[in-house]
PDB file of N, CA and C in Angstrom:
ATOM      1  N   MET A   1       0.785  -1.656   0.109  1.00  0.00           N
ATOM      2  CA  MET A   1      -0.066  -0.149   0.002  1.00  0.00           C
ATOM      3  C   MET A   1       1.093   1.337   0.043  1.00  0.00           C
ATOM      4  N   SER A   2       1.682   1.292   0.674  1.00  0.00           N
ATOM      5  CA  SER A   2       2.417   2.013   0.051  1.00  0.00           C
ATOM      6  C   SER A   2       3.390   3.268  -0.851  1.00  0.00           C
ATOM      7  N   ASN A   3       3.821   1.651  -0.795  1.00  0.00           N
ATOM      8  CA  ASN A   3       4.480   1.590  -2.498  1.00  0.00           C
ATOM      9  C   ASN A   3       3.398   2.807  -3.473  1.00  0.00           C
ATOM     10  N   ILE A   4       2.276   1.904  -3.396  1.00  0.00           N
ATOM     11  CA  ILE A   4       0.987   2.647  -4.367  1.00  0.00           C
ATOM     12  C   ILE A   4       0.960   4.330  -4.000  1.00  0.00           C
ATOM     13  N   TYR A   5       0.325   5.191  -2.509  1.00  0.00           N
ATOM     14  CA  TYR A   5       1.127   6.095  -2.807  1.00  0.00           C
ATOM     15  C   TYR A   5       2.117   6.633  -2.716  1.00  0.00           C
ATOM     16  N   ASN A   6       3.292   6.017  -2.930  1.00  0.00           N
ATOM     17  CA  ASN A   6       4.715   7.061  -2.970  1.00  0.00           C
ATOM     18  C   ASN A   6       4.403   6.954  -4.574  1.00  0.00           C
ATOM     19  N   ASN A   7       4.386   6.102  -4.868  1.00  0.00           N
ATOM     20  CA  ASN A   7       4.097   6.190  -6.760  1.00  0.00           C
ATOM     21  C   ASN A   7       3.125   7.379  -6.893  1.00  0.00           C
ATOM     22  N   SER A   8       1.239   7.259  -6.454  1.00  0.00           N
ATOM     23  CA  SER A   8       1.052   8.184  -6.635  1.00  0.00           C
ATOM     24  C   SER A   8       1.894   9.728  -6.511  1.00  0.00           C
ATOM     25  N   VAL A   9       2.328  10.038  -4.903  1.00  0.00           N
ATOM     26  CA  VAL A   9       2.870  11.641  -4.536  1.00  0.00           C
ATOM     27  C   VAL A   9       3.497  11.846  -5.819  1.00  0.00           C
ATOM     28  N   VAL A  10       4.827  10.626  -6.558  1.00  0.00           N
ATOM     29  CA  VAL A  10       6.101  11.316  -7.606  1.00  0.00           C
ATOM     30  C   VAL A  10       5.518  11.330  -8.616  1.00  0.00           C
ATOM     31  N   SER A  11       4.260  10.904  -9.209  1.00  0.00           N
ATOM     32  CA  SER A  11       3.834  11.150 -10.594  1.00  0.00           C
ATOM     33  C   SER A  11       2.249  12.501  -9.924  1.00  0.00           C
ATOM     34  N   PHE A  12       2.314  12.925  -8.617  1.00  0.00           N
ATOM     35  CA  PHE A  12       1.516  14.250  -8.840  1.00  0.00           C
ATOM     36  C   PHE A  12       2.804  15.324  -8.956  1.00  0.00           C
ATOM     37  N   TYR A  13       3.773  14.867  -7.633  1.00  0.00           N
ATOM     38  CA  TYR A  13       4.687  15.992  -8.640  1.00  0.00           C
ATOM     39  C   TYR A  13       5.604  16.422 -10.028  1.00  0.00           C
ATOM     40  N   ASN A  14       5.105  15.100 -10.423  1.00  0.00           N
ATOM     41  CA  ASN A  14       5.967  14.810 -11.681  1.00  0.00           C
ATOM     42  C   ASN A  14       5.296  15.662 -12.762  1.00  0.00           C
ATOM     43  N   HIS A  15       4.103  15.960 -12.568  1.00  0.00           N
ATOM     44  CA  HIS A  15       2.941  16.720 -13.816  1.00  0.00           C
ATOM     45  C   HIS A  15       3.550  17.916 -13.740  1.00  0.00           C
ATOM     46  N   LEU A  16       3.250  18.494 -12.191  1.00  0.00           N
ATOM     47  CA  LEU A  16       3.674  19.776 -11.441  1.00  0.00           C
ATOM     48  C   LEU A  16       5.264  20.378 -12.085  1.00  0.00           C
ATOM     49  N   PHE A  17       6.088  19.249 -12.201  1.00  0.00           N
ATOM     50  CA  PHE A  17       7.436  19.801 -12.378  1.00  0.00           C
ATOM     51  C   PHE A  17       7.390  19.819 -13.992  1.00  0.00           C
ATOM     52  N   TYR A  18       6.741  18.797 -15.147  1.00  0.00           N
ATOM     53  CA  TYR A  18       6.472  19.619 -16.638  1.00  0.00           C
ATOM     54  C   TYR A  18       5.697  20.068 -16.745  1.00  0.00           C
ATOM     55  N   ASP A  19       4.584  21.134 -15.807  1.00  0.00           N
ATOM     56  CA  ASP A  19       3.839  21.824 -16.015  1.00  0.00           C
ATOM     57  C   ASP A  19       5.101  23.425 -16.233  1.00  0.00           C
ATOM     58  N   LEU A  20       5.849  22.946 -15.073  1.00  0.00           N
ATOM     59  CA  LEU A  20       6.639  24.286 -14.691  1.00  0.00           C
ATOM     60  C   LEU A  20       7.281  24.564 -15.567  1.00  0.00           C
ATOM     61  N   ALA A  21       7.702  22.998 -16.245  1.00  0.00           N
ATOM     62  CA  ALA A  21       9.198  23.431 -16.952  1.00  0.00           C
ATOM     63  C   ALA A  21       8.561  23.885 -18.395  1.00  0.00           C
TER      64      ALA A  21
END
């Protein structure tokens, strides 16, 4: 369960950084 949560957070920040770039 922790792995799924971590993956979700990484994906969220990934989209944020890509949007800023």
